[in-house]
Amino acid sequence: MAARLPQGAKRHKGCGMKLRARFLPILLLPLLAACQSNPLQVQRSACPAVAVASYTGDITLFGPGLPPDAANVDVSATITNVRDACRESADQLVSEITYDVVAQRGAAGPARDVQLPVFVTIIQGGNLINAKQVGQVVVRFGDGAVRGVGRGTATTSVSRAAASLPPAILERINRKRRVGELDAATDPLADPEVKAAMRAASFEVLIGFQLDERSLAYNIAK
């Protein structure tokens, strides 16, 4: 049954929506036009998004000298439960990242530790590697257990200046436009210079297993 509003109250559609995501894609901004005096007002998080890189979220180890076949799997593992906390200072954006590595071995056996290589890289503009680090996550299998879990952590830092749009670009995007002006109907986000500046100021952190060519090909073929 629909809830009743108090007498005299008005229902506002659209502006009451709850936005749970920390990062609001620029492409969604026009949808909020009814909720803002300037529908093109840029609202972006400077903190980089964190995600698992394509085809690198899983790793499969095969028995020594055996071909990469499902029947020869020694250990398989997956990166999951990726979490990040961003600390903003006057000049740096520091991301504290944690994640789990859930692994399974082909057969039960004695207690065993397995080291798995994991990379963390900062990508700028969608395709430029800004920084990269490779570490190890230890997964421990208990005696007789076929399943093991490890915990990984990483810290990345991005310059706030590099992740910020130049004032001139912000002014161009957010300038109020009046009906009748020559550029009133022109989307500033379509301006090549604006798009280039937004791309250069965008950062993301990607994590994944450090795979050799054979392991990467196996993941792609699965």
N, C-alpha and C. Protein backbone atom coordinates (compact mmCIF):
# COMPACT_ATOMS: atom_id res chain seq x y z
N MET A 1 0.86 -1.19 0.00
CA MET A 1 0.00 0.00 0.00
C MET A 1 0.89 1.23 0.00
N ALA A 2 0.58 2.23 -0.83
CA ALA A 2 1.41 3.41 -0.95
C ALA A 2 1.33 4.24 0.32
N ALA A 3 2.42 4.84 0.73
CA ALA A 3 2.45 5.67 1.93
C ALA A 3 1.77 7.00 1.64
N ARG A 4 1.04 7.55 2.63
CA ARG A 4 0.36 8.82 2.49
C ARG A 4 1.27 9.94 2.96
N LEU A 5 1.25 11.05 2.26
CA LEU A 5 2.01 12.22 2.66
C LEU A 5 1.18 13.06 3.62
N PRO A 6 1.84 13.78 4.53
CA PRO A 6 1.09 14.69 5.40
C PRO A 6 0.35 15.72 4.56
N GLN A 7 -0.76 16.23 5.11
CA GLN A 7 -1.56 17.19 4.36
C GLN A 7 -0.72 18.43 4.04
N GLY A 8 -0.77 18.87 2.82
CA GLY A 8 -0.03 20.06 2.41
C GLY A 8 1.36 19.75 1.90
N ALA A 9 1.83 18.51 2.11
CA ALA A 9 3.18 18.16 1.65
C ALA A 9 3.13 17.82 0.18
N LYS A 10 4.26 18.02 -0.50
CA LYS A 10 4.37 17.71 -1.91
C LYS A 10 5.39 16.62 -2.13
N ARG A 11 5.10 15.76 -3.04
CA ARG A 11 6.03 14.70 -3.39
C ARG A 11 6.96 15.18 -4.50
N HIS A 12 8.27 15.07 -4.26
CA HIS A 12 9.25 15.47 -5.27
C HIS A 12 9.82 14.21 -5.89
N LYS A 13 9.71 14.09 -7.17
CA LYS A 13 10.21 12.90 -7.87
C LYS A 13 11.65 13.13 -8.30
N GLY A 14 12.43 12.08 -8.27
CA GLY A 14 13.78 12.13 -8.81
C GLY A 14 14.81 12.59 -7.81
N CYS A 15 14.63 13.78 -7.18
CA CYS A 15 15.65 14.32 -6.29
C CYS A 15 15.76 13.55 -5.00
N GLY A 16 14.81 12.69 -4.70
CA GLY A 16 14.87 11.92 -3.47
C GLY A 16 15.63 10.62 -3.61
N MET A 17 16.19 10.34 -4.78
CA MET A 17 16.90 9.08 -5.00
C MET A 17 18.13 9.02 -4.12
N LYS A 18 18.47 7.82 -3.69
CA LYS A 18 19.67 7.61 -2.89
C LYS A 18 20.80 7.15 -3.79
N LEU A 19 21.91 7.87 -3.77
CA LEU A 19 23.07 7.51 -4.57
C LEU A 19 24.07 6.85 -3.65
N ARG A 20 24.18 5.54 -3.72
CA ARG A 20 25.04 4.79 -2.82
C ARG A 20 26.49 4.74 -3.29
N ALA A 21 26.72 4.89 -4.57
CA ALA A 21 28.08 4.77 -5.09
C ALA A 21 28.92 5.96 -4.67
N ARG A 22 30.20 5.69 -4.34
CA ARG A 22 31.11 6.77 -3.96
C ARG A 22 31.49 7.60 -5.17
N PHE A 23 31.53 6.95 -6.34
CA PHE A 23 31.97 7.63 -7.56
C PHE A 23 30.79 7.73 -8.51
N LEU A 24 30.47 8.93 -8.94
CA LEU A 24 29.36 9.16 -9.85
C LEU A 24 29.89 9.41 -11.24
N PRO A 25 29.69 8.49 -12.18
CA PRO A 25 30.22 8.69 -13.53
C PRO A 25 29.71 9.98 -14.13
N ILE A 26 30.57 10.65 -14.87
CA ILE A 26 30.21 11.92 -15.49
C ILE A 26 28.99 11.77 -16.38
N LEU A 27 28.85 10.60 -17.04
CA LEU A 27 27.76 10.42 -17.98
C LEU A 27 26.41 10.43 -17.30
N LEU A 28 26.35 10.24 -15.98
CA LEU A 28 25.08 10.23 -15.28
C LEU A 28 24.63 11.63 -14.87
N LEU A 29 25.52 12.61 -14.98
CA LEU A 29 25.20 13.94 -14.49
C LEU A 29 23.97 14.55 -15.16
N PRO A 30 23.79 14.38 -16.49
CA PRO A 30 22.59 14.97 -17.09
C PRO A 30 21.30 14.44 -16.51
N LEU A 31 21.30 13.23 -15.93
CA LEU A 31 20.09 12.66 -15.36
C LEU A 31 19.67 13.40 -14.11
N LEU A 32 20.59 14.18 -13.52
CA LEU A 32 20.28 14.90 -12.30
C LEU A 32 19.91 16.36 -12.58
N ALA A 33 19.59 16.65 -13.83
CA ALA A 33 19.33 18.03 -14.20
C ALA A 33 18.23 18.66 -13.36
N ALA A 34 17.20 17.87 -13.04
CA ALA A 34 16.08 18.41 -12.28
C ALA A 34 16.45 18.69 -10.84
N CYS A 35 17.60 18.16 -10.39
CA CYS A 35 17.98 18.31 -8.99
C CYS A 35 19.07 19.35 -8.81
N GLN A 36 19.55 19.99 -9.86
CA GLN A 36 20.63 20.94 -9.76
C GLN A 36 20.28 22.20 -10.53
N SER A 37 20.78 23.32 -10.05
CA SER A 37 20.59 24.56 -10.78
C SER A 37 21.39 24.55 -12.07
N ASN A 38 22.54 23.86 -12.06
CA ASN A 38 23.35 23.71 -13.27
C ASN A 38 23.54 22.21 -13.52
N PRO A 39 22.82 21.63 -14.50
CA PRO A 39 22.88 20.18 -14.72
C PRO A 39 24.24 19.67 -15.14
N LEU A 40 25.14 20.58 -15.59
CA LEU A 40 26.46 20.15 -16.03
C LEU A 40 27.51 20.33 -14.94
N GLN A 41 27.09 20.71 -13.73
CA GLN A 41 28.03 20.90 -12.64
C GLN A 41 28.79 19.60 -12.38
N VAL A 42 30.11 19.65 -12.45
CA VAL A 42 30.92 18.44 -12.30
C VAL A 42 31.06 18.09 -10.83
N GLN A 43 30.70 16.86 -10.49
CA GLN A 43 30.87 16.33 -9.15
C GLN A 43 31.59 15.00 -9.31
N ARG A 44 32.87 14.98 -8.99
CA ARG A 44 33.67 13.77 -9.20
C ARG A 44 34.53 13.52 -7.99
N SER A 45 34.73 12.25 -7.70
CA SER A 45 35.62 11.89 -6.61
C SER A 45 37.04 11.86 -7.14
N ALA A 46 37.96 12.50 -6.40
CA ALA A 46 39.36 12.49 -6.82
C ALA A 46 40.01 11.15 -6.53
N CYS A 47 39.45 10.38 -5.61
CA CYS A 47 40.04 9.09 -5.24
C CYS A 47 39.92 8.10 -6.41
N PRO A 48 40.96 7.35 -6.68
CA PRO A 48 40.89 6.40 -7.80
C PRO A 48 39.97 5.23 -7.49
N ALA A 49 39.27 4.75 -8.51
CA ALA A 49 38.47 3.54 -8.37
C ALA A 49 39.42 2.35 -8.29
N VAL A 50 38.99 1.30 -7.60
CA VAL A 50 39.81 0.10 -7.42
C VAL A 50 39.05 -1.10 -7.98
N ALA A 51 39.73 -1.92 -8.80
CA ALA A 51 39.08 -3.07 -9.41
C ALA A 51 40.11 -4.15 -9.73
N VAL A 52 39.60 -5.34 -10.03
CA VAL A 52 40.46 -6.45 -10.47
C VAL A 52 40.60 -6.37 -11.99
N ALA A 53 41.83 -6.44 -12.47
CA ALA A 53 42.07 -6.35 -13.91
C ALA A 53 41.50 -7.57 -14.64
N SER A 54 41.02 -7.36 -15.85
CA SER A 54 40.43 -8.44 -16.65
C SER A 54 41.41 -9.60 -16.85
N TYR A 55 40.89 -10.81 -16.72
CA TYR A 55 41.62 -12.06 -16.95
C TYR A 55 42.74 -12.33 -15.93
N THR A 56 42.87 -11.49 -14.90
CA THR A 56 43.94 -11.71 -13.93
C THR A 56 43.42 -11.98 -12.52
N GLY A 57 42.12 -12.14 -12.39
CA GLY A 57 41.55 -12.38 -11.06
C GLY A 57 41.65 -13.82 -10.61
N ASP A 58 42.09 -14.72 -11.51
CA ASP A 58 42.24 -16.13 -11.18
C ASP A 58 43.64 -16.59 -11.56
N ILE A 59 44.12 -17.60 -10.85
CA ILE A 59 45.40 -18.21 -11.19
C ILE A 59 45.27 -19.72 -11.01
N THR A 60 45.89 -20.47 -11.89
CA THR A 60 45.86 -21.93 -11.83
C THR A 60 47.28 -22.46 -11.91
N LEU A 61 47.66 -23.23 -10.92
CA LEU A 61 48.98 -23.87 -10.92
C LEU A 61 48.80 -25.35 -11.24
N PHE A 62 49.65 -25.85 -12.11
CA PHE A 62 49.56 -27.25 -12.52
C PHE A 62 50.72 -28.04 -11.92
N GLY A 63 50.55 -29.35 -11.89
CA GLY A 63 51.60 -30.20 -11.36
C GLY A 63 52.90 -30.01 -12.13
N PRO A 64 54.05 -30.18 -11.47
CA PRO A 64 55.35 -29.96 -12.13
C PRO A 64 55.49 -30.79 -13.41
N GLY A 65 55.79 -30.08 -14.51
CA GLY A 65 56.01 -30.75 -15.78
C GLY A 65 54.77 -31.20 -16.49
N LEU A 66 53.59 -30.92 -15.95
CA LEU A 66 52.34 -31.37 -16.56
C LEU A 66 51.74 -30.27 -17.43
N PRO A 67 51.06 -30.64 -18.50
CA PRO A 67 50.45 -29.64 -19.37
C PRO A 67 49.27 -28.95 -18.69
N PRO A 68 48.91 -27.74 -19.15
CA PRO A 68 47.80 -26.99 -18.55
C PRO A 68 46.45 -27.59 -18.90
N ASP A 69 46.07 -28.58 -18.13
CA ASP A 69 44.81 -29.28 -18.35
C ASP A 69 44.08 -29.37 -17.02
N ALA A 70 42.75 -29.36 -17.07
CA ALA A 70 41.94 -29.39 -15.84
C ALA A 70 42.27 -30.60 -14.97
N ALA A 71 42.69 -31.69 -15.57
CA ALA A 71 43.01 -32.89 -14.80
C ALA A 71 44.33 -32.77 -14.06
N ASN A 72 45.13 -31.77 -14.42
CA ASN A 72 46.46 -31.62 -13.82
C ASN A 72 46.56 -30.44 -12.86
N VAL A 73 45.42 -29.90 -12.44
CA VAL A 73 45.43 -28.72 -11.56
C VAL A 73 45.99 -29.07 -10.20
N ASP A 74 46.97 -28.32 -9.77
CA ASP A 74 47.52 -28.45 -8.42
C ASP A 74 46.80 -27.52 -7.47
N VAL A 75 46.79 -26.22 -7.78
CA VAL A 75 46.11 -25.21 -6.96
C VAL A 75 45.46 -24.19 -7.88
N SER A 76 44.24 -23.80 -7.54
CA SER A 76 43.58 -22.70 -8.24
C SER A 76 43.15 -21.68 -7.19
N ALA A 77 43.19 -20.40 -7.55
CA ALA A 77 42.88 -19.35 -6.57
C ALA A 77 42.19 -18.19 -7.27
N THR A 78 41.42 -17.43 -6.47
CA THR A 78 40.66 -16.28 -6.98
C THR A 78 40.82 -15.12 -6.02
N ILE A 79 40.96 -13.90 -6.57
CA ILE A 79 40.97 -12.68 -5.76
C ILE A 79 39.53 -12.24 -5.57
N THR A 80 39.15 -11.96 -4.33
CA THR A 80 37.78 -11.57 -4.04
C THR A 80 37.76 -10.60 -2.85
N ASN A 81 36.56 -10.07 -2.56
CA ASN A 81 36.37 -9.17 -1.42
C ASN A 81 37.35 -8.00 -1.42
N VAL A 82 37.50 -7.36 -2.57
CA VAL A 82 38.40 -6.21 -2.66
C VAL A 82 37.74 -5.01 -1.97
N ARG A 83 38.49 -4.40 -1.07
CA ARG A 83 38.00 -3.23 -0.33
C ARG A 83 39.07 -2.15 -0.35
N ASP A 84 38.64 -0.89 -0.34
CA ASP A 84 39.63 0.18 -0.29
C ASP A 84 39.12 1.33 0.55
N ALA A 85 40.04 2.01 1.21
CA ALA A 85 39.74 3.20 1.99
C ALA A 85 40.69 4.29 1.52
N CYS A 86 40.12 5.41 1.09
CA CYS A 86 40.93 6.49 0.53
C CYS A 86 41.10 7.60 1.56
N ARG A 87 42.35 7.96 1.79
CA ARG A 87 42.67 9.07 2.69
C ARG A 87 43.14 10.25 1.85
N GLU A 88 42.44 11.36 1.98
CA GLU A 88 42.77 12.54 1.18
C GLU A 88 43.53 13.55 2.04
N SER A 89 44.65 14.02 1.52
CA SER A 89 45.40 15.09 2.15
C SER A 89 45.50 16.25 1.16
N ALA A 90 46.22 17.28 1.54
CA ALA A 90 46.32 18.45 0.67
C ALA A 90 47.01 18.13 -0.65
N ASP A 91 47.92 17.15 -0.65
CA ASP A 91 48.68 16.88 -1.87
C ASP A 91 48.66 15.43 -2.33
N GLN A 92 48.08 14.51 -1.56
CA GLN A 92 48.09 13.10 -1.94
C GLN A 92 46.73 12.45 -1.71
N LEU A 93 46.45 11.44 -2.53
CA LEU A 93 45.27 10.58 -2.37
C LEU A 93 45.81 9.18 -2.11
N VAL A 94 45.70 8.72 -0.88
CA VAL A 94 46.29 7.44 -0.49
C VAL A 94 45.18 6.39 -0.34
N SER A 95 45.31 5.30 -1.07
CA SER A 95 44.33 4.21 -1.01
C SER A 95 44.91 3.02 -0.25
N GLU A 96 44.24 2.63 0.82
CA GLU A 96 44.60 1.43 1.57
C GLU A 96 43.69 0.31 1.09
N ILE A 97 44.27 -0.70 0.45
CA ILE A 97 43.50 -1.75 -0.21
C ILE A 97 43.71 -3.08 0.50
N THR A 98 42.63 -3.80 0.72
CA THR A 98 42.71 -5.16 1.25
C THR A 98 41.88 -6.07 0.36
N TYR A 99 42.26 -7.34 0.31
CA TYR A 99 41.52 -8.30 -0.51
C TYR A 99 41.83 -9.70 0.00
N ASP A 100 40.97 -10.62 -0.35
CA ASP A 100 41.15 -12.02 0.03
C ASP A 100 41.54 -12.84 -1.20
N VAL A 101 42.31 -13.88 -0.96
CA VAL A 101 42.63 -14.85 -1.99
C VAL A 101 42.10 -16.20 -1.52
N VAL A 102 41.10 -16.70 -2.21
CA VAL A 102 40.47 -17.98 -1.86
C VAL A 102 41.02 -19.04 -2.81
N ALA A 103 41.60 -20.10 -2.25
CA ALA A 103 42.27 -21.11 -3.08
C ALA A 103 41.75 -22.51 -2.78
N GLN A 104 41.95 -23.38 -3.75
CA GLN A 104 41.56 -24.79 -3.61
C GLN A 104 42.64 -25.65 -4.26
N ARG A 105 43.02 -26.73 -3.59
CA ARG A 105 44.01 -27.63 -4.20
C ARG A 105 43.33 -28.88 -4.72
N GLY A 106 44.00 -29.53 -5.63
CA GLY A 106 43.39 -30.66 -6.32
C GLY A 106 43.09 -31.84 -5.42
N ALA A 107 43.87 -32.03 -4.36
CA ALA A 107 43.65 -33.17 -3.47
C ALA A 107 44.10 -32.80 -2.06
N ALA A 108 43.43 -33.38 -1.08
CA ALA A 108 43.80 -33.14 0.31
C ALA A 108 45.19 -33.71 0.57
N GLY A 109 45.89 -33.11 1.53
CA GLY A 109 47.23 -33.56 1.86
C GLY A 109 47.70 -32.91 3.15
N PRO A 110 48.97 -32.99 3.44
CA PRO A 110 49.49 -32.36 4.66
C PRO A 110 49.40 -30.84 4.58
N ALA A 111 49.57 -30.17 5.72
CA ALA A 111 49.55 -28.71 5.75
C ALA A 111 50.58 -28.16 4.77
N ARG A 112 50.21 -27.07 4.12
CA ARG A 112 51.06 -26.54 3.06
C ARG A 112 50.81 -25.05 2.86
N ASP A 113 51.88 -24.28 2.66
CA ASP A 113 51.76 -22.87 2.33
C ASP A 113 52.08 -22.68 0.85
N VAL A 114 51.26 -21.88 0.19
CA VAL A 114 51.47 -21.58 -1.23
C VAL A 114 51.58 -20.07 -1.40
N GLN A 115 52.66 -19.63 -2.04
CA GLN A 115 52.85 -18.22 -2.33
C GLN A 115 52.36 -17.90 -3.74
N LEU A 116 51.50 -16.88 -3.83
CA LEU A 116 50.94 -16.49 -5.12
C LEU A 116 51.32 -15.03 -5.41
N PRO A 117 51.84 -14.75 -6.61
CA PRO A 117 52.26 -13.37 -6.94
C PRO A 117 51.07 -12.50 -7.34
N VAL A 118 51.00 -11.32 -6.75
CA VAL A 118 49.91 -10.39 -7.02
C VAL A 118 50.50 -9.02 -7.36
N PHE A 119 49.96 -8.38 -8.39
CA PHE A 119 50.41 -7.03 -8.75
C PHE A 119 49.35 -6.00 -8.38
N VAL A 120 49.80 -4.80 -8.13
CA VAL A 120 48.92 -3.64 -7.94
C VAL A 120 49.49 -2.52 -8.80
N THR A 121 48.67 -1.97 -9.68
CA THR A 121 49.15 -0.95 -10.60
C THR A 121 48.20 0.23 -10.65
N ILE A 122 48.76 1.41 -10.83
CA ILE A 122 47.97 2.64 -10.98
C ILE A 122 47.92 2.98 -12.46
N ILE A 123 46.71 3.10 -12.99
CA ILE A 123 46.51 3.41 -14.40
C ILE A 123 46.00 4.85 -14.52
N GLN A 124 46.64 5.62 -15.38
CA GLN A 124 46.22 7.00 -15.63
C GLN A 124 45.64 7.11 -17.03
N GLY A 125 44.51 7.79 -17.11
CA GLY A 125 43.91 8.04 -18.42
C GLY A 125 43.41 6.80 -19.12
N GLY A 126 43.25 5.71 -18.40
CA GLY A 126 42.69 4.50 -18.97
C GLY A 126 43.69 3.54 -19.58
N ASN A 127 44.93 3.99 -19.87
CA ASN A 127 45.85 3.08 -20.54
C ASN A 127 47.33 3.30 -20.20
N LEU A 128 47.66 4.27 -19.37
CA LEU A 128 49.05 4.54 -19.04
C LEU A 128 49.38 4.01 -17.65
N ILE A 129 50.42 3.18 -17.55
CA ILE A 129 50.83 2.67 -16.24
C ILE A 129 51.62 3.75 -15.51
N ASN A 130 51.05 4.24 -14.42
CA ASN A 130 51.69 5.29 -13.64
C ASN A 130 52.67 4.72 -12.63
N ALA A 131 52.31 3.56 -12.05
CA ALA A 131 53.18 2.89 -11.07
C ALA A 131 52.71 1.44 -10.95
N LYS A 132 53.64 0.57 -10.54
CA LYS A 132 53.28 -0.84 -10.38
C LYS A 132 54.15 -1.46 -9.29
N GLN A 133 53.54 -2.34 -8.50
CA GLN A 133 54.26 -3.10 -7.49
C GLN A 133 53.79 -4.55 -7.53
N VAL A 134 54.71 -5.47 -7.27
CA VAL A 134 54.38 -6.90 -7.25
C VAL A 134 54.76 -7.46 -5.89
N GLY A 135 53.84 -8.17 -5.28
CA GLY A 135 54.09 -8.79 -3.99
C GLY A 135 53.61 -10.22 -3.96
N GLN A 136 53.66 -10.83 -2.79
CA GLN A 136 53.24 -12.22 -2.62
C GLN A 136 52.13 -12.32 -1.57
N VAL A 137 51.16 -13.15 -1.86
CA VAL A 137 50.12 -13.48 -0.88
C VAL A 137 50.28 -14.95 -0.52
N VAL A 138 50.33 -15.22 0.77
CA VAL A 138 50.51 -16.60 1.24
C VAL A 138 49.15 -17.20 1.58
N VAL A 139 48.86 -18.33 0.96
CA VAL A 139 47.64 -19.08 1.28
C VAL A 139 48.06 -20.35 2.02
N ARG A 140 47.47 -20.56 3.18
CA ARG A 140 47.81 -21.75 3.97
C ARG A 140 46.69 -22.77 3.90
N PHE A 141 47.06 -24.00 3.54
CA PHE A 141 46.13 -25.13 3.57
C PHE A 141 46.41 -25.92 4.85
N GLY A 142 45.37 -26.12 5.64
CA GLY A 142 45.52 -26.92 6.84
C GLY A 142 45.68 -28.39 6.50
N ASP A 143 46.12 -29.16 7.47
CA ASP A 143 46.31 -30.60 7.27
C ASP A 143 45.00 -31.25 6.83
N GLY A 144 44.99 -31.86 5.66
CA GLY A 144 43.80 -32.53 5.15
C GLY A 144 42.79 -31.61 4.49
N ALA A 145 43.05 -30.31 4.49
CA ALA A 145 42.10 -29.36 3.90
C ALA A 145 42.39 -29.16 2.43
N VAL A 146 41.34 -28.98 1.65
CA VAL A 146 41.50 -28.69 0.23
C VAL A 146 41.26 -27.21 -0.06
N ARG A 147 40.81 -26.46 0.93
CA ARG A 147 40.52 -25.04 0.73
C ARG A 147 41.38 -24.21 1.67
N GLY A 148 41.89 -23.10 1.15
CA GLY A 148 42.70 -22.20 1.96
C GLY A 148 42.39 -20.76 1.60
N VAL A 149 42.66 -19.85 2.54
CA VAL A 149 42.38 -18.43 2.35
C VAL A 149 43.59 -17.61 2.77
N GLY A 150 43.95 -16.61 1.96
CA GLY A 150 45.01 -15.68 2.29
C GLY A 150 44.48 -14.26 2.25
N ARG A 151 45.20 -13.34 2.86
CA ARG A 151 44.78 -11.94 2.89
C ARG A 151 45.90 -11.08 2.31
N GLY A 152 45.54 -10.21 1.38
CA GLY A 152 46.52 -9.31 0.77
C GLY A 152 46.21 -7.87 1.10
N THR A 153 47.25 -7.05 1.16
CA THR A 153 47.10 -5.61 1.40
C THR A 153 48.02 -4.85 0.45
N ALA A 154 47.66 -3.62 0.16
CA ALA A 154 48.49 -2.76 -0.68
C ALA A 154 48.16 -1.31 -0.38
N THR A 155 49.12 -0.45 -0.59
CA THR A 155 48.93 0.99 -0.41
C THR A 155 49.39 1.70 -1.68
N THR A 156 48.55 2.56 -2.22
CA THR A 156 48.91 3.33 -3.41
C THR A 156 48.72 4.82 -3.12
N SER A 157 49.44 5.63 -3.86
CA SER A 157 49.37 7.07 -3.67
C SER A 157 49.32 7.78 -5.01
N VAL A 158 48.39 8.73 -5.14
CA VAL A 158 48.24 9.51 -6.36
C VAL A 158 48.32 10.98 -6.00
N SER A 159 49.03 11.75 -6.80
CA SER A 159 49.13 13.19 -6.58
C SER A 159 47.76 13.84 -6.77
N ARG A 160 47.33 14.63 -5.78
CA ARG A 160 46.05 15.31 -5.91
C ARG A 160 46.07 16.28 -7.08
N ALA A 161 47.20 16.94 -7.31
CA ALA A 161 47.28 17.88 -8.43
C ALA A 161 47.06 17.17 -9.76
N ALA A 162 47.64 15.97 -9.91
CA ALA A 162 47.48 15.23 -11.15
C ALA A 162 46.06 14.74 -11.34
N ALA A 163 45.34 14.49 -10.24
CA ALA A 163 43.97 13.97 -10.31
C ALA A 163 42.92 15.07 -10.32
N SER A 164 43.35 16.32 -10.41
CA SER A 164 42.42 17.45 -10.39
C SER A 164 42.35 18.10 -11.77
N LEU A 165 41.17 18.54 -12.14
CA LEU A 165 41.01 19.25 -13.41
C LEU A 165 41.54 20.67 -13.27
N PRO A 166 42.19 21.20 -14.29
CA PRO A 166 42.66 22.59 -14.26
C PRO A 166 41.49 23.54 -14.06
N PRO A 167 41.71 24.65 -13.34
CA PRO A 167 40.62 25.62 -13.10
C PRO A 167 39.96 26.10 -14.39
N ALA A 168 40.75 26.31 -15.44
CA ALA A 168 40.16 26.80 -16.70
C ALA A 168 39.19 25.78 -17.30
N ILE A 169 39.51 24.48 -17.15
CA ILE A 169 38.63 23.43 -17.66
C ILE A 169 37.36 23.36 -16.81
N LEU A 170 37.51 23.45 -15.52
CA LEU A 170 36.33 23.43 -14.64
C LEU A 170 35.42 24.61 -14.94
N GLU A 171 36.00 25.78 -15.16
CA GLU A 171 35.18 26.95 -15.45
C GLU A 171 34.42 26.77 -16.75
N ARG A 172 35.08 26.14 -17.73
CA ARG A 172 34.43 25.91 -19.02
C ARG A 172 33.26 24.94 -18.88
N ILE A 173 33.43 23.92 -18.03
CA ILE A 173 32.38 22.93 -17.85
C ILE A 173 31.21 23.50 -17.05
N ASN A 174 31.52 24.23 -15.98
CA ASN A 174 30.49 24.64 -15.03
C ASN A 174 29.89 26.01 -15.30
N ARG A 175 30.37 26.70 -16.32
CA ARG A 175 29.85 28.03 -16.61
C ARG A 175 28.35 27.97 -16.90
N LYS A 176 27.60 28.88 -16.27
CA LYS A 176 26.17 28.91 -16.50
C LYS A 176 25.89 29.41 -17.91
N ARG A 177 25.02 28.70 -18.59
CA ARG A 177 24.67 29.06 -19.96
C ARG A 177 23.22 29.50 -20.02
N ARG A 178 22.98 30.56 -20.75
CA ARG A 178 21.64 31.12 -20.84
C ARG A 178 21.06 30.85 -22.23
N VAL A 179 19.76 30.71 -22.24
CA VAL A 179 19.06 30.48 -23.50
C VAL A 179 19.35 31.62 -24.46
N GLY A 180 19.70 31.28 -25.68
CA GLY A 180 20.00 32.29 -26.69
C GLY A 180 21.47 32.46 -26.95
N GLU A 181 22.33 32.01 -26.01
CA GLU A 181 23.76 32.09 -26.23
C GLU A 181 24.19 31.09 -27.29
N LEU A 182 25.26 31.39 -28.00
CA LEU A 182 25.70 30.54 -29.11
C LEU A 182 26.02 29.13 -28.65
N ASP A 183 26.61 28.98 -27.45
CA ASP A 183 27.02 27.65 -26.99
C ASP A 183 26.07 27.07 -25.96
N ALA A 184 24.85 27.64 -25.86
CA ALA A 184 23.90 27.18 -24.85
C ALA A 184 23.54 25.71 -25.05
N ALA A 185 23.48 25.27 -26.29
CA ALA A 185 23.07 23.89 -26.57
C ALA A 185 24.26 22.97 -26.80
N THR A 186 25.46 23.49 -26.57
CA THR A 186 26.67 22.69 -26.79
C THR A 186 27.11 22.02 -25.49
N ASP A 187 27.33 20.73 -25.56
CA ASP A 187 27.79 19.99 -24.38
C ASP A 187 29.29 20.23 -24.19
N PRO A 188 29.70 20.89 -23.10
CA PRO A 188 31.13 21.14 -22.91
C PRO A 188 31.94 19.87 -22.74
N LEU A 189 31.29 18.80 -22.30
CA LEU A 189 32.00 17.54 -22.11
C LEU A 189 32.40 16.90 -23.44
N ALA A 190 31.81 17.40 -24.54
CA ALA A 190 32.17 16.89 -25.86
C ALA A 190 33.36 17.63 -26.46
N ASP A 191 33.78 18.70 -25.81
CA ASP A 191 34.94 19.47 -26.29
C ASP A 191 36.19 18.60 -26.19
N PRO A 192 36.93 18.42 -27.28
CA PRO A 192 38.13 17.56 -27.24
C PRO A 192 39.13 17.96 -26.16
N GLU A 193 39.31 19.25 -25.93
CA GLU A 193 40.25 19.69 -24.90
C GLU A 193 39.76 19.31 -23.51
N VAL A 194 38.46 19.45 -23.28
CA VAL A 194 37.87 19.07 -22.00
C VAL A 194 37.98 17.56 -21.79
N LYS A 195 37.65 16.81 -22.84
CA LYS A 195 37.74 15.35 -22.74
C LYS A 195 39.16 14.89 -22.46
N ALA A 196 40.14 15.52 -23.09
CA ALA A 196 41.53 15.15 -22.86
C ALA A 196 41.96 15.46 -21.43
N ALA A 197 41.51 16.61 -20.90
CA ALA A 197 41.87 16.98 -19.53
C ALA A 197 41.23 16.04 -18.52
N MET A 198 39.98 15.65 -18.76
CA MET A 198 39.30 14.73 -17.86
C MET A 198 39.95 13.35 -17.90
N ARG A 199 40.38 12.94 -19.06
CA ARG A 199 41.03 11.65 -19.20
C ARG A 199 42.37 11.65 -18.46
N ALA A 200 43.14 12.71 -18.62
CA ALA A 200 44.45 12.80 -17.98
C ALA A 200 44.33 12.83 -16.46
N ALA A 201 43.21 13.35 -15.94
CA ALA A 201 43.03 13.48 -14.50
C ALA A 201 42.34 12.26 -13.88
N SER A 202 42.06 11.25 -14.69
CA SER A 202 41.38 10.06 -14.17
C SER A 202 42.41 8.97 -13.84
N PHE A 203 42.27 8.40 -12.65
CA PHE A 203 43.17 7.34 -12.20
C PHE A 203 42.33 6.17 -11.69
N GLU A 204 42.87 4.97 -11.84
CA GLU A 204 42.26 3.79 -11.25
C GLU A 204 43.36 2.85 -10.80
N VAL A 205 43.04 2.05 -9.80
CA VAL A 205 43.98 1.06 -9.28
C VAL A 205 43.48 -0.32 -9.67
N LEU A 206 44.33 -1.09 -10.35
CA LEU A 206 43.98 -2.44 -10.77
C LEU A 206 44.86 -3.44 -10.04
N ILE A 207 44.26 -4.52 -9.58
CA ILE A 207 45.02 -5.58 -8.94
C ILE A 207 44.74 -6.89 -9.67
N GLY A 208 45.64 -7.84 -9.53
CA GLY A 208 45.45 -9.14 -10.18
C GLY A 208 46.65 -10.03 -9.92
N PHE A 209 46.55 -11.25 -10.31
CA PHE A 209 47.69 -12.17 -10.20
C PHE A 209 48.71 -11.85 -11.29
N GLN A 210 49.98 -11.90 -10.93
CA GLN A 210 51.05 -11.71 -11.91
C GLN A 210 51.21 -13.02 -12.67
N LEU A 211 50.69 -13.05 -13.88
CA LEU A 211 50.63 -14.29 -14.67
C LEU A 211 51.70 -14.32 -15.74
N ASP A 212 52.19 -15.51 -16.03
CA ASP A 212 53.05 -15.67 -17.19
C ASP A 212 52.15 -15.86 -18.42
N GLU A 213 52.76 -15.94 -19.59
CA GLU A 213 51.97 -16.01 -20.83
C GLU A 213 51.07 -17.24 -20.86
N ARG A 214 51.56 -18.37 -20.37
CA ARG A 214 50.79 -19.60 -20.41
C ARG A 214 49.57 -19.49 -19.50
N SER A 215 49.77 -18.92 -18.30
CA SER A 215 48.65 -18.79 -17.36
C SER A 215 47.61 -17.79 -17.86
N LEU A 216 48.08 -16.69 -18.47
CA LEU A 216 47.14 -15.72 -19.01
C LEU A 216 46.34 -16.32 -20.15
N ALA A 217 47.00 -17.07 -21.03
CA ALA A 217 46.29 -17.70 -22.14
C ALA A 217 45.26 -18.71 -21.62
N TYR A 218 45.60 -19.42 -20.55
CA TYR A 218 44.67 -20.39 -19.97
C TYR A 218 43.42 -19.68 -19.46
N ASN A 219 43.61 -18.52 -18.80
CA ASN A 219 42.46 -17.76 -18.28
C ASN A 219 41.59 -17.25 -19.41
N ILE A 220 42.20 -16.74 -20.47
CA ILE A 220 41.43 -16.20 -21.59
C ILE A 220 40.63 -17.30 -22.28
N ALA A 221 41.21 -18.48 -22.36
CA ALA A 221 40.56 -19.59 -23.05
C ALA A 221 39.44 -20.24 -22.23
N LYS A 222 39.43 -20.01 -20.93
CA LYS A 222 38.42 -20.69 -20.09
C LYS A 222 37.01 -20.23 -20.45
